[in-house]
N, C-alpha and C. Protein backbone atom coordinates (compact mmCIF):
# COMPACT_ATOMS: atom_id res chain seq x y z
N MET A 1 0.86 -1.14 0.04
CA MET A 1 -0.02 0.08 0.12
C MET A 1 0.86 1.36 -0.02
N THR A 2 0.43 2.42 -0.67
CA THR A 2 1.41 3.53 -0.92
C THR A 2 0.66 4.66 -0.17
N ARG A 3 1.44 5.39 0.55
CA ARG A 3 0.85 6.56 1.25
C ARG A 3 1.29 7.74 0.57
N THR A 4 0.52 8.75 0.17
CA THR A 4 1.06 10.15 -0.53
C THR A 4 1.16 11.28 0.35
N GLY A 5 2.12 12.16 0.20
CA GLY A 5 2.07 13.11 0.94
C GLY A 5 2.34 14.45 0.29
N ARG A 6 1.68 15.41 0.13
CA ARG A 6 1.83 16.67 -0.56
C ARG A 6 2.66 17.42 0.48
N ARG A 7 3.18 18.73 -0.40
CA ARG A 7 4.43 19.32 0.13
C ARG A 7 4.02 19.91 1.69
N ARG A 8 2.62 20.15 2.19
CA ARG A 8 2.49 20.67 3.31
C ARG A 8 2.30 19.93 4.42
N VAL A 9 2.54 18.70 4.10
CA VAL A 9 1.90 17.47 5.22
C VAL A 9 3.14 17.58 6.33
N GLY A 10 4.32 17.59 5.90
CA GLY A 10 5.31 17.52 6.95
C GLY A 10 6.70 18.04 6.41
N VAL A 11 7.68 18.30 7.32
CA VAL A 11 8.99 18.67 6.75
C VAL A 11 10.10 17.81 7.76
N LEU A 12 10.62 16.73 7.11
CA LEU A 12 11.76 16.01 7.89
C LEU A 12 12.84 17.01 8.32
N ALA A 13 13.15 17.65 7.26
CA ALA A 13 14.52 18.57 7.45
C ALA A 13 14.44 19.68 6.58
N ALA A 14 14.76 20.88 6.84
CA ALA A 14 14.64 22.05 6.07
C ALA A 14 15.84 22.90 6.35
N GLY A 15 16.58 23.43 5.30
CA GLY A 15 17.70 24.16 5.51
C GLY A 15 18.94 23.25 6.01
N VAL A 16 19.13 22.41 5.63
CA VAL A 16 20.31 21.60 5.98
C VAL A 16 21.47 22.04 5.47
N LEU A 17 22.44 22.84 5.95
CA LEU A 17 23.45 23.13 5.18
C LEU A 17 24.77 22.18 5.24
N ALA A 18 24.98 22.12 4.06
CA ALA A 18 26.14 21.00 3.72
C ALA A 18 27.52 21.23 4.62
N ALA A 19 27.84 22.34 4.49
CA ALA A 19 29.18 22.60 5.33
C ALA A 19 29.12 22.17 6.92
N LEU A 20 28.06 22.52 7.36
CA LEU A 20 27.74 22.34 8.74
C LEU A 20 27.40 21.00 9.15
N ALA A 21 27.09 20.01 8.36
CA ALA A 21 26.76 18.76 8.44
C ALA A 21 28.05 17.68 8.56
N ALA A 22 29.02 18.20 8.24
CA ALA A 22 30.24 17.39 7.88
C ALA A 22 30.71 16.74 9.41
N GLY A 23 30.37 16.98 10.44
CA GLY A 23 30.70 16.48 11.82
C GLY A 23 29.86 15.32 12.25
N CYS A 24 28.67 15.21 11.44
CA CYS A 24 27.71 14.35 11.97
C CYS A 24 28.18 13.07 12.23
N SER A 25 27.61 12.16 13.13
CA SER A 25 28.13 10.81 13.66
C SER A 25 27.49 9.76 12.74
N SER A 26 27.84 8.54 13.11
CA SER A 26 27.23 7.55 11.96
C SER A 26 25.81 7.39 12.28
N ALA A 27 25.11 6.67 11.27
CA ALA A 27 23.61 6.45 11.28
C ALA A 27 23.56 5.47 12.47
N PRO A 28 22.43 5.70 13.43
CA PRO A 28 22.22 4.90 14.42
C PRO A 28 21.31 3.56 13.72
N ALA A 29 21.21 2.62 14.24
CA ALA A 29 20.56 1.42 13.96
C ALA A 29 18.93 1.70 14.17
N ASP A 30 18.64 2.57 15.23
CA ASP A 30 17.19 3.05 15.38
C ASP A 30 17.52 4.52 15.51
N PRO A 31 17.24 5.27 14.68
CA PRO A 31 17.26 6.84 14.49
C PRO A 31 16.69 7.49 15.67
N PRO A 32 17.13 8.53 16.22
CA PRO A 32 16.63 9.35 17.51
C PRO A 32 15.38 9.96 16.93
N GLN A 33 14.40 10.19 17.92
CA GLN A 33 13.10 10.86 17.47
C GLN A 33 13.43 12.24 17.12
N ILE A 34 12.84 12.68 15.90
CA ILE A 34 12.91 14.06 15.64
C ILE A 34 11.43 14.63 15.63
N PRO A 35 11.24 15.79 16.50
CA PRO A 35 9.84 16.42 16.68
C PRO A 35 9.46 17.09 15.37
N PRO A 36 8.27 16.69 14.50
CA PRO A 36 7.92 17.12 13.26
C PRO A 36 7.61 18.54 13.32
N ALA A 37 8.11 18.99 12.10
CA ALA A 37 8.06 20.38 11.91
C ALA A 37 6.69 20.80 11.21
N THR A 38 6.11 21.99 11.45
CA THR A 38 4.77 22.35 11.06
C THR A 38 4.81 23.14 9.73
N ALA A 39 5.79 23.85 9.61
CA ALA A 39 5.72 24.86 8.70
C ALA A 39 6.77 24.32 7.39
N ALA A 40 6.09 24.31 6.21
CA ALA A 40 6.70 23.91 5.03
C ALA A 40 7.90 25.04 4.39
N ALA A 41 9.07 24.55 4.31
CA ALA A 41 10.10 25.52 3.62
C ALA A 41 9.69 26.23 2.62
N GLU A 42 9.92 27.38 2.45
CA GLU A 42 9.97 28.31 1.21
C GLU A 42 10.85 28.16 0.20
N HIS A 43 10.51 28.24 -0.98
CA HIS A 43 11.46 28.30 -2.03
C HIS A 43 12.11 29.79 -1.99
N ARG A 44 13.40 29.49 -2.24
CA ARG A 44 14.35 30.91 -2.19
C ARG A 44 15.47 30.85 -2.75
N ASP A 45 16.11 31.58 -3.32
CA ASP A 45 17.44 31.44 -3.99
C ASP A 45 18.53 32.11 -3.11
N GLU A 46 19.40 31.41 -2.41
CA GLU A 46 20.24 31.75 -1.47
C GLU A 46 21.52 32.14 -2.37
N ARG A 47 21.87 33.49 -2.76
CA ARG A 47 22.96 33.87 -3.49
C ARG A 47 23.91 34.47 -2.69
N ILE A 48 24.64 33.53 -1.95
CA ILE A 48 25.79 33.82 -0.87
C ILE A 48 27.16 33.26 -1.17
N THR A 49 27.87 33.62 -0.33
CA THR A 49 29.27 33.22 -0.72
C THR A 49 29.31 31.70 -0.43
N LEU A 50 30.18 30.90 -1.28
CA LEU A 50 30.63 29.60 -1.32
C LEU A 50 31.50 29.27 -0.03
N PRO A 51 31.73 28.32 0.58
CA PRO A 51 30.91 27.11 0.35
C PRO A 51 29.58 26.70 1.15
N VAL A 52 29.28 27.64 2.01
CA VAL A 52 27.97 27.47 2.83
C VAL A 52 26.70 28.07 1.96
N THR A 53 26.36 27.52 0.98
CA THR A 53 25.43 27.98 0.11
C THR A 53 24.12 26.89 -0.25
N VAL A 54 24.17 25.83 0.23
CA VAL A 54 23.04 24.90 -0.24
C VAL A 54 22.37 24.43 1.00
N GLY A 55 20.91 24.47 0.80
CA GLY A 55 19.79 24.02 1.79
C GLY A 55 19.15 22.76 1.05
N LEU A 56 18.46 21.94 2.02
CA LEU A 56 17.72 20.80 1.50
C LEU A 56 16.31 20.65 2.33
N ALA A 57 15.45 20.85 1.57
CA ALA A 57 13.97 20.64 2.28
C ALA A 57 13.43 19.36 1.90
N PHE A 58 13.12 18.65 2.81
CA PHE A 58 12.32 17.52 2.41
C PHE A 58 11.00 17.29 3.06
N HIS A 59 9.75 17.41 2.22
CA HIS A 59 8.47 17.30 2.52
C HIS A 59 8.14 15.92 2.18
N HIS A 60 7.35 15.20 3.29
CA HIS A 60 7.23 14.01 3.47
C HIS A 60 5.67 13.61 3.90
N PRO A 61 5.26 12.57 3.92
CA PRO A 61 3.78 12.11 4.52
C PRO A 61 3.93 12.03 5.88
N ALA A 62 3.00 11.98 6.52
CA ALA A 62 2.87 11.97 7.92
C ALA A 62 3.49 10.67 8.43
N LEU A 63 4.12 10.57 9.44
CA LEU A 63 4.82 9.39 9.93
C LEU A 63 3.80 8.57 10.45
N HIS A 64 3.67 6.96 10.05
CA HIS A 64 2.72 6.18 10.72
C HIS A 64 3.18 5.34 11.77
N ASP A 65 4.44 5.04 11.35
CA ASP A 65 5.10 4.09 12.50
C ASP A 65 6.78 4.34 12.51
N ARG A 66 7.32 3.56 13.34
CA ARG A 66 8.66 3.73 13.63
C ARG A 66 9.58 3.43 12.15
N THR A 67 8.84 2.26 11.52
CA THR A 67 9.97 1.78 10.42
C THR A 67 9.83 2.88 9.39
N GLU A 68 8.64 3.37 9.19
CA GLU A 68 8.61 4.61 8.33
C GLU A 68 9.19 5.84 8.59
N TYR A 69 9.37 5.78 9.82
CA TYR A 69 10.22 6.87 10.40
C TYR A 69 11.59 6.68 9.69
N ALA A 70 12.03 5.28 10.08
CA ALA A 70 13.77 5.16 10.04
C ALA A 70 13.93 5.10 8.67
N VAL A 71 13.03 4.66 7.55
CA VAL A 71 13.38 4.83 6.24
C VAL A 71 13.31 6.10 5.65
N LEU A 72 12.36 7.07 6.20
CA LEU A 72 12.45 8.43 5.61
C LEU A 72 13.70 9.27 6.04
N PHE A 73 14.05 8.90 7.37
CA PHE A 73 15.30 9.42 7.95
C PHE A 73 16.37 8.96 7.16
N THR A 74 16.50 7.93 6.70
CA THR A 74 17.46 7.29 5.96
C THR A 74 17.71 7.90 4.88
N VAL A 75 16.51 8.18 3.81
CA VAL A 75 16.47 8.78 2.61
C VAL A 75 16.96 10.39 2.91
N GLN A 76 16.50 10.97 4.00
CA GLN A 76 16.79 12.47 4.24
C GLN A 76 18.49 12.62 4.35
N GLN A 77 18.78 11.60 5.22
CA GLN A 77 20.43 11.66 5.31
C GLN A 77 21.08 11.18 4.09
N ALA A 78 20.64 10.23 3.53
CA ALA A 78 21.26 10.06 2.25
C ALA A 78 21.41 10.97 1.30
N MET A 79 20.20 11.90 1.08
CA MET A 79 20.24 13.07 0.37
C MET A 79 21.30 14.29 0.94
N ARG A 80 21.21 14.41 2.08
CA ARG A 80 22.21 15.18 2.68
C ARG A 80 23.52 14.84 2.37
N SER A 81 23.92 13.66 2.72
CA SER A 81 25.46 13.15 2.20
C SER A 81 25.69 13.27 0.68
N MET A 82 24.68 13.12 0.00
CA MET A 82 25.11 13.54 -1.39
C MET A 82 25.46 14.87 -1.58
N VAL A 83 24.75 15.81 -1.05
CA VAL A 83 25.11 17.33 -1.44
C VAL A 83 26.44 17.61 -0.75
N GLN A 84 26.69 16.93 0.62
CA GLN A 84 27.85 17.23 1.33
C GLN A 84 28.97 16.70 0.28
N ALA A 85 28.78 15.66 -0.37
CA ALA A 85 30.03 15.13 -1.08
C ALA A 85 30.36 16.23 -2.19
N GLU A 86 29.11 16.54 -2.66
CA GLU A 86 29.45 17.69 -3.96
C GLU A 86 30.37 18.91 -3.36
N TYR A 87 30.38 19.11 -2.10
CA TYR A 87 31.40 20.01 -1.60
C TYR A 87 32.82 19.67 -1.12
N ALA A 88 32.75 18.16 -1.03
CA ALA A 88 34.23 17.83 -0.71
C ALA A 88 35.43 17.73 -1.79
N ASN A 89 36.39 17.22 -1.32
CA ASN A 89 37.43 17.37 -2.20
C ASN A 89 37.32 16.21 -3.14
N GLY A 90 37.30 16.29 -4.11
CA GLY A 90 37.07 15.00 -5.12
C GLY A 90 35.80 14.21 -4.96
N GLY A 91 34.78 14.84 -4.36
CA GLY A 91 33.58 14.18 -4.24
C GLY A 91 33.48 12.80 -3.26
N LYS A 92 34.54 12.74 -2.54
CA LYS A 92 34.72 11.62 -1.48
C LYS A 92 34.25 12.31 -0.15
N ASP A 93 33.35 11.50 0.62
CA ASP A 93 32.82 11.84 1.81
C ASP A 93 32.60 10.45 2.41
N ALA A 94 32.98 10.20 3.58
CA ALA A 94 32.76 8.95 4.28
C ALA A 94 31.31 8.90 4.61
N GLU A 95 30.37 9.81 4.98
CA GLU A 95 29.26 9.50 5.11
C GLU A 95 28.25 8.89 3.90
N LEU A 96 28.60 8.94 2.70
CA LEU A 96 28.16 8.23 1.53
C LEU A 96 27.73 6.70 1.96
N GLY A 97 29.06 6.13 2.37
CA GLY A 97 28.80 4.67 2.82
C GLY A 97 28.07 4.57 3.95
N GLU A 98 27.55 5.46 4.89
CA GLU A 98 26.66 5.11 5.75
C GLU A 98 25.28 5.11 5.34
N TYR A 99 24.76 5.67 4.43
CA TYR A 99 23.57 5.55 3.86
C TYR A 99 23.34 5.26 2.44
N TRP A 100 24.15 4.91 1.70
CA TRP A 100 24.10 4.42 0.30
C TRP A 100 24.89 3.07 0.25
N THR A 101 24.39 2.07 -0.60
CA THR A 101 25.16 0.85 -0.87
C THR A 101 24.76 0.43 -2.18
N GLY A 102 25.61 -0.62 -2.76
CA GLY A 102 25.37 -1.37 -3.95
C GLY A 102 25.29 -0.11 -5.35
N PRO A 103 24.49 -0.83 -6.12
CA PRO A 103 24.08 0.24 -7.02
C PRO A 103 23.57 1.37 -6.75
N GLY A 104 22.93 1.86 -5.72
CA GLY A 104 22.28 3.06 -5.17
C GLY A 104 23.80 3.92 -4.86
N LEU A 105 24.84 3.29 -4.37
CA LEU A 105 26.05 4.05 -4.14
C LEU A 105 26.67 4.54 -5.45
N THR A 106 26.62 3.30 -6.54
CA THR A 106 27.28 3.73 -7.74
C THR A 106 26.53 4.90 -8.51
N ALA A 107 25.17 4.86 -8.33
CA ALA A 107 24.30 5.87 -9.08
C ALA A 107 24.69 7.20 -8.41
N VAL A 108 24.83 7.27 -7.08
CA VAL A 108 24.76 8.85 -6.65
C VAL A 108 26.36 9.03 -6.85
N ASP A 109 27.48 8.33 -6.81
CA ASP A 109 28.75 8.75 -7.22
C ASP A 109 28.94 9.32 -8.49
N THR A 110 27.90 8.87 -9.55
CA THR A 110 27.79 9.29 -10.85
C THR A 110 27.12 10.90 -10.86
N GLN A 111 26.23 10.82 -9.94
CA GLN A 111 25.72 12.40 -9.65
C GLN A 111 26.67 13.31 -9.24
N ILE A 112 27.30 13.03 -8.24
CA ILE A 112 28.24 13.73 -7.56
C ILE A 112 29.53 14.06 -8.68
N GLU A 113 29.89 12.94 -9.38
CA GLU A 113 30.98 13.40 -10.42
C GLU A 113 30.68 14.44 -11.28
N GLN A 114 29.54 14.61 -11.68
CA GLN A 114 28.94 15.62 -12.80
C GLN A 114 29.09 17.00 -12.23
N TRP A 115 29.10 17.16 -10.94
CA TRP A 115 29.37 18.34 -10.30
C TRP A 115 30.86 18.60 -10.25
N ILE A 116 31.79 17.70 -9.52
CA ILE A 116 33.11 17.55 -9.26
C ILE A 116 33.69 17.95 -10.46
N SER A 117 33.41 17.16 -11.62
CA SER A 117 34.44 17.21 -12.81
C SER A 117 34.34 18.62 -13.61
N ARG A 118 33.17 19.40 -13.24
CA ARG A 118 32.95 20.78 -13.74
C ARG A 118 33.54 21.84 -12.72
N GLN A 119 33.96 21.31 -11.62
CA GLN A 119 34.43 22.30 -10.49
C GLN A 119 33.36 23.27 -10.48
N GLN A 120 32.15 22.74 -10.03
CA GLN A 120 30.88 23.27 -9.60
C GLN A 120 30.32 22.89 -8.27
N GLN A 121 29.49 23.88 -7.59
CA GLN A 121 28.49 23.33 -6.53
C GLN A 121 27.40 23.83 -6.51
N PRO A 122 26.32 23.29 -5.99
CA PRO A 122 24.99 23.81 -6.02
C PRO A 122 24.92 24.94 -5.01
N VAL A 123 23.97 26.06 -5.52
CA VAL A 123 23.94 27.21 -4.68
C VAL A 123 22.24 27.44 -4.59
N GLY A 124 21.71 27.44 -3.47
CA GLY A 124 20.31 27.55 -3.51
C GLY A 124 19.68 26.79 -2.33
N MET A 125 18.29 26.39 -2.68
CA MET A 125 17.27 25.48 -2.02
C MET A 125 16.97 24.30 -2.82
N ILE A 126 17.44 23.20 -2.45
CA ILE A 126 16.80 22.11 -3.16
C ILE A 126 15.49 21.50 -2.41
N VAL A 127 14.58 21.49 -3.09
CA VAL A 127 13.26 20.95 -2.58
C VAL A 127 12.67 19.65 -2.91
N LEU A 128 12.53 18.44 -2.09
CA LEU A 128 12.30 17.32 -2.15
C LEU A 128 10.92 17.25 -1.88
N GLU A 129 9.72 17.17 -2.83
CA GLU A 129 8.26 17.23 -2.40
C GLU A 129 7.53 16.11 -3.37
N ASP A 130 6.20 15.98 -2.79
CA ASP A 130 5.49 15.03 -3.57
C ASP A 130 5.86 13.70 -3.37
N THR A 131 6.31 13.34 -2.08
CA THR A 131 6.95 12.08 -1.67
C THR A 131 5.86 10.98 -1.54
N GLN A 132 6.43 9.91 -1.95
CA GLN A 132 5.36 8.55 -1.84
C GLN A 132 6.31 7.66 -1.06
N TYR A 133 5.51 6.85 -0.12
CA TYR A 133 6.39 5.62 0.58
C TYR A 133 5.73 4.55 0.40
N SER A 134 6.20 3.42 0.15
CA SER A 134 5.88 2.00 0.19
C SER A 134 6.69 1.30 1.03
N PRO A 135 6.03 0.53 2.11
CA PRO A 135 6.90 -0.27 2.84
C PRO A 135 7.63 -1.43 2.54
N ALA A 136 8.63 -1.92 2.90
CA ALA A 136 9.25 -3.22 2.63
C ALA A 136 8.19 -4.32 2.75
N GLU A 137 8.30 -5.33 1.92
CA GLU A 137 7.41 -6.54 2.13
C GLU A 137 8.00 -7.79 1.23
N SER A 138 7.87 -8.83 1.85
CA SER A 138 8.17 -10.11 1.22
C SER A 138 9.68 -10.05 0.55
N GLY A 139 10.56 -9.59 1.25
CA GLY A 139 11.85 -9.47 0.91
C GLY A 139 12.35 -8.32 0.03
N ARG A 140 11.27 -7.50 -0.40
CA ARG A 140 11.42 -6.30 -1.17
C ARG A 140 11.70 -5.13 -0.37
N ALA A 141 12.55 -4.31 -0.99
CA ALA A 141 12.86 -3.09 -0.24
C ALA A 141 11.92 -2.20 -0.18
N ALA A 142 11.93 -1.34 0.64
CA ALA A 142 10.98 -0.26 0.98
C ALA A 142 11.21 0.75 -0.29
N ASN A 143 10.24 1.38 -0.88
CA ASN A 143 10.26 2.53 -1.90
C ASN A 143 10.08 3.85 -1.53
N VAL A 144 10.71 4.65 -1.80
CA VAL A 144 10.60 6.15 -1.60
C VAL A 144 10.83 6.85 -2.92
N SER A 145 9.72 7.82 -3.35
CA SER A 145 9.99 8.36 -4.44
C SER A 145 9.36 9.94 -4.11
N PHE A 146 10.05 10.81 -4.80
CA PHE A 146 9.73 12.16 -4.78
C PHE A 146 10.28 13.02 -5.94
N CYS A 147 9.62 14.11 -6.01
CA CYS A 147 10.01 15.39 -7.15
C CYS A 147 11.20 16.17 -6.68
N ALA A 148 12.23 16.39 -7.17
CA ALA A 148 13.30 17.00 -6.62
C ALA A 148 13.35 18.40 -7.59
N ASP A 149 13.04 19.17 -6.72
CA ASP A 149 12.73 20.75 -7.54
C ASP A 149 14.10 21.48 -7.36
N TRP A 150 14.91 21.71 -8.46
CA TRP A 150 15.98 22.40 -8.33
C TRP A 150 15.65 23.95 -9.03
N SER A 151 14.60 24.34 -9.07
CA SER A 151 14.32 25.72 -9.71
C SER A 151 14.80 26.69 -9.12
N ASP A 152 15.32 26.63 -7.62
CA ASP A 152 15.98 27.84 -6.95
C ASP A 152 17.45 27.55 -6.56
N VAL A 153 18.20 26.67 -7.52
CA VAL A 153 19.38 26.26 -7.47
C VAL A 153 20.12 26.82 -8.73
N VAL A 154 21.40 27.26 -8.41
CA VAL A 154 22.31 27.68 -9.53
C VAL A 154 23.57 27.07 -9.37
N ARG A 155 24.38 27.15 -10.26
CA ARG A 155 25.65 26.40 -10.58
C ARG A 155 26.80 27.47 -9.95
N GLY A 156 27.20 27.29 -8.75
CA GLY A 156 28.39 28.04 -8.23
C GLY A 156 29.76 27.43 -8.74
N GLU A 157 30.76 28.25 -9.20
CA GLU A 157 31.90 27.98 -9.57
C GLU A 157 33.00 27.58 -8.44
N SER A 158 33.26 26.44 -8.18
CA SER A 158 34.08 26.26 -6.91
C SER A 158 35.47 27.08 -6.73
N ARG A 159 35.88 27.29 -7.91
CA ARG A 159 37.17 28.04 -7.88
C ARG A 159 37.22 29.53 -7.62
N THR A 160 36.00 30.04 -8.28
CA THR A 160 36.00 31.59 -8.33
C THR A 160 35.08 32.06 -7.49
N HIS A 161 33.95 30.93 -7.03
CA HIS A 161 33.12 31.34 -6.14
C HIS A 161 31.88 32.43 -6.83
N VAL A 162 32.13 32.45 -8.29
CA VAL A 162 30.97 33.02 -9.00
C VAL A 162 29.62 32.16 -9.22
N VAL A 163 28.37 32.69 -9.09
CA VAL A 163 27.40 32.13 -9.35
C VAL A 163 26.79 32.18 -10.55
N GLY A 164 26.62 30.97 -11.20
CA GLY A 164 26.23 30.64 -12.86
C GLY A 164 24.87 30.31 -12.96
N ALA A 165 24.70 29.55 -14.06
CA ALA A 165 23.49 29.19 -14.50
C ALA A 165 22.62 28.43 -13.61
N ALA A 166 21.33 28.36 -13.95
CA ALA A 166 20.40 27.60 -13.02
C ALA A 166 20.35 26.30 -13.40
N VAL A 167 20.37 25.50 -12.37
CA VAL A 167 20.26 23.94 -12.90
C VAL A 167 19.13 23.48 -13.62
N GLN A 168 17.83 23.94 -13.18
CA GLN A 168 16.67 23.68 -13.68
C GLN A 168 16.04 24.63 -14.34
N SER A 169 15.92 24.57 -15.76
CA SER A 169 15.80 25.81 -16.76
C SER A 169 14.07 26.18 -16.35
N LYS A 170 14.02 27.40 -16.56
CA LYS A 170 12.54 27.71 -16.54
C LYS A 170 11.80 26.93 -17.36
N GLY A 171 10.47 26.57 -17.04
CA GLY A 171 9.38 25.84 -17.70
C GLY A 171 9.72 24.42 -17.61
N THR A 172 10.82 23.85 -16.97
CA THR A 172 11.28 22.49 -17.07
C THR A 172 10.72 21.78 -15.76
N ARG A 173 10.11 20.66 -15.81
CA ARG A 173 9.39 20.05 -14.57
C ARG A 173 10.65 19.52 -13.58
N PRO A 174 10.23 19.38 -12.34
CA PRO A 174 11.16 18.55 -11.37
C PRO A 174 11.87 17.48 -11.77
N THR A 175 12.97 16.77 -11.28
CA THR A 175 13.18 15.15 -11.54
C THR A 175 12.72 14.52 -10.74
N TYR A 176 11.96 13.23 -11.22
CA TYR A 176 11.44 12.37 -10.49
C TYR A 176 12.64 11.48 -9.87
N GLU A 177 12.62 11.06 -8.57
CA GLU A 177 13.71 10.38 -8.23
C GLU A 177 12.79 9.14 -7.46
N GLU A 178 13.28 8.02 -7.48
CA GLU A 178 12.86 6.77 -6.87
C GLU A 178 14.08 6.21 -6.44
N LEU A 179 13.88 5.80 -5.12
CA LEU A 179 14.91 5.15 -4.28
C LEU A 179 14.44 3.97 -3.56
N GLY A 180 14.87 2.82 -3.55
CA GLY A 180 14.98 1.61 -2.79
C GLY A 180 15.72 1.62 -1.61
N VAL A 181 14.95 1.33 -0.47
CA VAL A 181 15.79 1.25 0.77
C VAL A 181 15.56 -0.02 1.51
N ALA A 182 16.75 -0.81 1.66
CA ALA A 182 16.76 -2.19 2.26
C ALA A 182 17.65 -1.93 3.52
N ARG A 183 16.90 -3.01 4.51
CA ARG A 183 17.65 -3.10 5.72
C ARG A 183 18.72 -3.93 5.87
N GLU A 184 20.12 -3.64 6.19
CA GLU A 184 21.32 -4.45 6.15
C GLU A 184 21.05 -5.40 7.18
N ALA A 185 22.11 -6.36 7.29
CA ALA A 185 22.37 -7.34 8.42
C ALA A 185 22.69 -6.74 9.79
N ASP A 186 22.83 -5.55 9.81
CA ASP A 186 23.18 -5.06 11.18
C ASP A 186 22.05 -4.03 11.44
N ARG A 187 20.88 -4.35 10.73
CA ARG A 187 19.55 -3.76 10.79
C ARG A 187 19.56 -2.03 10.49
N ARG A 188 20.55 -1.56 10.09
CA ARG A 188 20.59 -0.36 9.42
C ARG A 188 20.04 -0.23 8.14
N TRP A 189 19.10 0.85 7.95
CA TRP A 189 18.58 1.00 6.56
C TRP A 189 19.59 1.80 5.65
N LYS A 190 19.72 1.35 4.41
CA LYS A 190 20.51 2.17 3.58
C LYS A 190 19.85 2.18 2.00
N VAL A 191 20.15 3.12 1.33
CA VAL A 191 19.70 3.13 -0.06
C VAL A 191 20.43 2.31 -1.16
N ASP A 192 19.71 1.48 -1.60
CA ASP A 192 20.39 0.42 -2.51
C ASP A 192 20.15 0.45 -4.07
N SER A 193 19.15 1.56 -4.30
CA SER A 193 19.02 1.63 -5.66
C SER A 193 18.52 3.19 -5.97
N LEU A 194 18.82 3.80 -7.23
CA LEU A 194 18.38 5.04 -7.20
C LEU A 194 18.13 5.08 -8.92
N THR A 195 16.74 5.73 -9.06
CA THR A 195 16.27 6.04 -10.63
C THR A 195 15.99 7.53 -10.67
N LEU A 196 16.54 8.30 -11.88
CA LEU A 196 16.29 9.51 -11.85
C LEU A 196 15.43 9.51 -13.42
N VAL A 197 14.55 10.62 -13.35
CA VAL A 197 13.83 10.96 -14.50
C VAL A 197 13.55 12.52 -14.79
N PRO A 198 14.72 13.08 -15.41
CA PRO A 198 14.48 14.49 -15.32
C PRO A 198 13.26 15.15 -16.23
N ASN A 199 12.91 16.17 -15.94
CA ASN A 199 11.72 16.68 -16.46
C ASN A 199 10.57 15.89 -16.55
N SER A 200 10.22 15.09 -15.47
CA SER A 200 9.32 14.22 -15.35
C SER A 200 7.72 14.67 -15.49
N ALA A 201 6.94 14.10 -16.07
CA ALA A 201 5.66 14.18 -16.37
C ALA A 201 4.80 13.88 -15.00
N LYS A 202 5.58 13.08 -14.11
CA LYS A 202 4.95 12.55 -12.65
C LYS A 202 5.13 13.93 -11.86
N CYS A 203 5.92 14.86 -12.17
CA CYS A 203 5.91 16.23 -11.36
C CYS A 203 5.10 17.31 -11.89
N PRO A 204 4.53 18.22 -11.00
CA PRO A 204 3.78 19.30 -11.23
C PRO A 204 4.69 20.32 -11.75
């Protein structure tokens, strides 16, 4: 069964700054309780000095049980670690392995490399919305999908700190992303698959 949440149902994380997240500890087997926020993050364009320039807002369905919380917490942290790695030297960040594994890790490495190879970093607010969650069952991984709206994100040149072109052109729909989240032998959840569909008709 699938539960769908629109952007104002809840916010798991808003304004997570990549540079401030570098000291986070390893993912717990059972994530700590996070009080739900009530206000949805607003789209905004933050054209400020690199490298503290990117935020991540994750709008999600209301949480029905601890397993759903753990899966969505993992997705939030996985996306945060991806953005954090885009600011790291060479795109390598130890936290990627805490939340990504297998083909999912390979796929996100490819996304990171596209930024690193151009010597660019995202600047602005990435909004993950229209989230859908399907629980794990019969040996199948849990599934989380959302629309990643990059309309308020521009490309910052990491060498010169000059703000460049928009990532998502005007009139282009968000990217539809689908993640498979599996529970490992140590009982920790990790993203083990990632599918991206840019300018998707599934996104408003």
